[in-house]
Amino acid sequence: MQNIYEQHKDAVIDPNTQQMLNEPLVDKTGFNEGHEEFIKMLKAKLESGELETHTPDTLYNHEVYDRLSEEDQEKASLTAINLMSTIRQLETLWKLGQSATFQIQNLVETVFQMKSKFEEQHGDVYII
């Protein structure tokens, strides 16, 4: 039996088909209202420079963060690194002109859930 790659290595893909395959799937229903507001707030903080995606310290609400125990600050720092990594991915997709794709919706939900889960236990640690 011939390897699939070998079988199709000379196949030519129609440019229109390739263009269609390269476009991310968009959810025509868009974001839910809570996520839409969260995205607007997040974009505003990024554009104003209040949030710097390579500086997790910019994510802290220092009035709450500074009162945490050292162990909880370490947990907050690890969560902040993960949050900023996901926010960087979102920022990259926004710069590419993408909006209500399933990928962006998933990343927004990831940030929203990660932040909410941590803050349920430790208070309003983050400014987002």
C-alpha atoms as a PDB file:
ATOM      1  CA  MET A   1       0.000   0.000   0.000  1.00  0.00           C
ATOM      2  CA  GLN A   2       1.348   3.370  -1.014  1.00  0.00           C
ATOM      3  CA  ASN A   3       2.045   6.099   1.514  1.00  0.00           C
ATOM      4  CA  ILE A   4      -0.686   8.784   1.392  1.00  0.00           C
ATOM      5  CA  TYR A   5       1.905  11.499   0.988  1.00  0.00           C
ATOM      6  CA  GLU A   6       3.502   9.752  -1.973  1.00  0.00           C
ATOM      7  CA  GLN A   7       0.100   9.180  -3.506  1.00  0.00           C
ATOM      8  CA  HIS A   8      -0.845  12.902  -3.381  1.00  0.00           C
ATOM      9  CA  LYS A   9       2.502  14.721  -3.436  1.00  0.00           C
ATOM     10  CA  ASP A  10       1.941  16.074  -6.958  1.00  0.00           C
ATOM     11  CA  ALA A  11      -1.655  17.143  -6.324  1.00  0.00           C
ATOM     12  CA  VAL A  12      -2.426  20.743  -7.181  1.00  0.00           C
ATOM     13  CA  ILE A  13      -4.862  22.568  -4.924  1.00  0.00           C
ATOM     14  CA  ASP A  14      -7.070  25.174  -6.493  1.00  0.00           C
ATOM     15  CA  PRO A  15      -6.065  28.625  -5.102  1.00  0.00           C
ATOM     16  CA  ASN A  16      -9.668  29.398  -4.114  1.00  0.00           C
ATOM     17  CA  THR A  17      -9.875  26.146  -2.168  1.00  0.00           C
ATOM     18  CA  GLN A  18      -6.554  26.879  -0.458  1.00  0.00           C
ATOM     19  CA  GLN A  19      -7.769  30.376   0.465  1.00  0.00           C
ATOM     20  CA  MET A  20     -10.948  28.916   1.943  1.00  0.00           C
ATOM     21  CA  LEU A  21      -8.961  26.357   3.960  1.00  0.00           C
ATOM     22  CA  ASN A  22      -6.700  29.091   5.344  1.00  0.00           C
ATOM     23  CA  GLU A  23      -9.590  31.146   6.706  1.00  0.00           C
ATOM     24  CA  PRO A  24     -10.441  30.440  10.367  1.00  0.00           C
ATOM     25  CA  LEU A  25     -13.989  29.377  11.094  1.00  0.00           C
ATOM     26  CA  VAL A  26     -16.144  32.217  12.383  1.00  0.00           C
ATOM     27  CA  ASP A  27     -19.080  31.770  14.726  1.00  0.00           C
ATOM     28  CA  LYS A  28     -21.832  33.835  13.127  1.00  0.00           C
ATOM     29  CA  THR A  29     -23.536  34.275  16.513  1.00  0.00           C
ATOM     30  CA  GLY A  30     -20.468  36.188  17.786  1.00  0.00           C
ATOM     31  CA  PHE A  31     -19.474  36.519  21.415  1.00  0.00           C
ATOM     32  CA  ASN A  32     -21.843  36.431  24.331  1.00  0.00           C
ATOM     33  CA  GLU A  33     -22.422  39.819  25.989  1.00  0.00           C
ATOM     34  CA  GLY A  34     -20.151  39.199  28.987  1.00  0.00           C
ATOM     35  CA  HIS A  35     -17.262  38.157  26.791  1.00  0.00           C
ATOM     36  CA  GLU A  36     -17.788  41.119  24.464  1.00  0.00           C
ATOM     37  CA  GLU A  37     -17.390  43.547  27.381  1.00  0.00           C
ATOM     38  CA  PHE A  38     -14.391  41.596  28.687  1.00  0.00           C
ATOM     39  CA  ILE A  39     -12.723  41.803  25.251  1.00  0.00           C
ATOM     40  CA  LYS A  40     -13.322  45.566  24.997  1.00  0.00           C
ATOM     41  CA  MET A  41     -11.810  46.098  28.440  1.00  0.00           C
ATOM     42  CA  LEU A  42      -8.844  43.846  27.673  1.00  0.00           C
ATOM     43  CA  LYS A  43      -8.126  45.559  24.340  1.00  0.00           C
ATOM     44  CA  ALA A  44      -8.344  48.998  25.976  1.00  0.00           C
ATOM     45  CA  LYS A  45      -5.823  48.008  28.674  1.00  0.00           C
ATOM     46  CA  LEU A  46      -3.458  46.585  26.057  1.00  0.00           C
ATOM     47  CA  GLU A  47      -3.726  49.620  23.770  1.00  0.00           C
ATOM     48  CA  SER A  48      -3.215  52.087  26.627  1.00  0.00           C
ATOM     49  CA  GLY A  49      -0.130  50.208  27.825  1.00  0.00           C
ATOM     50  CA  GLU A  50      -1.679  49.483  31.219  1.00  0.00           C
ATOM     51  CA  LEU A  51      -1.170  45.799  30.398  1.00  0.00           C
ATOM     52  CA  GLU A  52       2.130  44.696  28.898  1.00  0.00           C
ATOM     53  CA  THR A  53       1.928  41.079  27.753  1.00  0.00           C
ATOM     54  CA  HIS A  54       5.586  40.346  28.495  1.00  0.00           C
ATOM     55  CA  THR A  55       5.367  41.809  32.011  1.00  0.00           C
ATOM     56  CA  PRO A  56       3.021  39.748  34.194  1.00  0.00           C
ATOM     57  CA  ASP A  57       3.456  42.271  37.027  1.00  0.00           C
ATOM     58  CA  THR A  58       1.237  44.700  35.051  1.00  0.00           C
ATOM     59  CA  LEU A  59      -1.671  42.307  35.559  1.00  0.00           C
ATOM     60  CA  TYR A  60      -1.786  42.632  39.359  1.00  0.00           C
ATOM     61  CA  ASN A  61      -4.185  44.655  41.420  1.00  0.00           C
ATOM     62  CA  HIS A  62      -1.438  45.485  43.930  1.00  0.00           C
ATOM     63  CA  GLU A  63      -3.865  46.473  46.696  1.00  0.00           C
ATOM     64  CA  VAL A  64      -4.950  42.816  46.839  1.00  0.00           C
ATOM     65  CA  TYR A  65      -1.797  41.084  45.571  1.00  0.00           C
ATOM     66  CA  ASP A  66       0.501  42.731  48.124  1.00  0.00           C
ATOM     67  CA  ARG A  67      -1.641  41.425  51.010  1.00  0.00           C
ATOM     68  CA  LEU A  68      -1.403  37.789  49.876  1.00  0.00           C
ATOM     69  CA  SER A  69       0.866  35.325  51.622  1.00  0.00           C
ATOM     70  CA  GLU A  70       4.134  34.526  49.880  1.00  0.00           C
ATOM     71  CA  GLU A  71       2.744  31.157  48.791  1.00  0.00           C
ATOM     72  CA  ASP A  72      -0.396  32.755  47.333  1.00  0.00           C
ATOM     73  CA  GLN A  73       1.717  35.413  45.583  1.00  0.00           C
ATOM     74  CA  GLU A  74       3.684  32.609  43.935  1.00  0.00           C
ATOM     75  CA  LYS A  75       0.416  31.008  42.811  1.00  0.00           C
ATOM     76  CA  ALA A  76      -0.802  34.376  41.537  1.00  0.00           C
ATOM     77  CA  SER A  77       2.467  34.847  39.643  1.00  0.00           C
ATOM     78  CA  LEU A  78       2.208  31.459  37.959  1.00  0.00           C
ATOM     79  CA  THR A  79      -1.399  32.140  37.010  1.00  0.00           C
ATOM     80  CA  ALA A  80      -0.398  35.601  35.705  1.00  0.00           C
ATOM     81  CA  ILE A  81       2.249  34.040  33.445  1.00  0.00           C
ATOM     82  CA  ASN A  82      -0.350  31.648  32.030  1.00  0.00           C
ATOM     83  CA  LEU A  83      -2.904  34.438  31.622  1.00  0.00           C
ATOM     84  CA  MET A  84      -0.423  36.668  29.812  1.00  0.00           C
ATOM     85  CA  SER A  85       0.602  33.857  27.496  1.00  0.00           C
ATOM     86  CA  THR A  86      -3.023  33.402  26.455  1.00  0.00           C
ATOM     87  CA  ILE A  87      -3.544  37.173  26.194  1.00  0.00           C
ATOM     88  CA  ARG A  88      -0.491  37.366  23.883  1.00  0.00           C
ATOM     89  CA  GLN A  89      -2.115  34.768  21.643  1.00  0.00           C
ATOM     90  CA  LEU A  90      -5.316  36.817  21.581  1.00  0.00           C
ATOM     91  CA  GLU A  91      -3.422  40.001  20.797  1.00  0.00           C
ATOM     92  CA  THR A  92      -1.646  38.308  17.886  1.00  0.00           C
ATOM     93  CA  LEU A  93      -4.941  37.099  16.427  1.00  0.00           C
ATOM     94  CA  TRP A  94      -6.523  40.548  16.828  1.00  0.00           C
ATOM     95  CA  LYS A  95      -3.575  42.122  15.005  1.00  0.00           C
ATOM     96  CA  LEU A  96      -4.189  39.660  12.158  1.00  0.00           C
ATOM     97  CA  GLY A  97      -7.706  41.083  11.883  1.00  0.00           C
ATOM     98  CA  GLN A  98      -9.544  38.111  13.314  1.00  0.00           C
ATOM     99  CA  SER A  99     -12.581  38.664  15.486  1.00  0.00           C
ATOM    100  CA  ALA A 100     -15.283  36.157  16.415  1.00  0.00           C
ATOM    101  CA  THR A 101     -13.450  32.981  15.420  1.00  0.00           C
ATOM    102  CA  PHE A 102     -13.917  29.853  17.461  1.00  0.00           C
ATOM    103  CA  GLN A 103     -10.223  30.044  18.380  1.00  0.00           C
ATOM    104  CA  ILE A 104     -10.593  33.548  19.822  1.00  0.00           C
ATOM    105  CA  GLN A 105     -13.770  32.574  21.658  1.00  0.00           C
ATOM    106  CA  ASN A 106     -11.955  29.622  23.213  1.00  0.00           C
ATOM    107  CA  LEU A 107      -8.973  31.772  24.256  1.00  0.00           C
ATOM    108  CA  VAL A 108     -11.249  34.440  25.764  1.00  0.00           C
ATOM    109  CA  GLU A 109     -13.132  31.760  27.698  1.00  0.00           C
ATOM    110  CA  THR A 110      -9.795  30.327  28.889  1.00  0.00           C
ATOM    111  CA  VAL A 111      -8.643  33.721  30.216  1.00  0.00           C
ATOM    112  CA  PHE A 112     -12.048  34.400  31.761  1.00  0.00           C
ATOM    113  CA  GLN A 113     -12.198  31.003  33.528  1.00  0.00           C
ATOM    114  CA  MET A 114      -8.555  31.023  34.678  1.00  0.00           C
ATOM    115  CA  LYS A 115      -8.945  34.501  36.181  1.00  0.00           C
ATOM    116  CA  SER A 116     -12.324  33.737  37.761  1.00  0.00           C
ATOM    117  CA  LYS A 117     -11.228  30.454  39.293  1.00  0.00           C
ATOM    118  CA  PHE A 118      -8.171  32.023  40.917  1.00  0.00           C
ATOM    119  CA  GLU A 119     -10.027  35.099  42.145  1.00  0.00           C
ATOM    120  CA  GLU A 120     -12.798  32.994  43.725  1.00  0.00           C
ATOM    121  CA  GLN A 121     -10.218  31.816  46.261  1.00  0.00           C
ATOM    122  CA  HIS A 122      -7.890  34.819  46.542  1.00  0.00           C
ATOM    123  CA  GLY A 123      -9.893  37.975  45.807  1.00  0.00           C
ATOM    124  CA  ASP A 124      -9.655  40.521  43.009  1.00  0.00           C
ATOM    125  CA  VAL A 125      -5.934  39.910  42.334  1.00  0.00           C
ATOM    126  CA  TYR A 126      -5.911  40.884  38.651  1.00  0.00           C
ATOM    127  CA  ILE A 127      -6.924  44.128  36.923  1.00  0.00           C
ATOM    128  CA  ILE A 128      -8.796  42.374  34.154  1.00  0.00           C
END
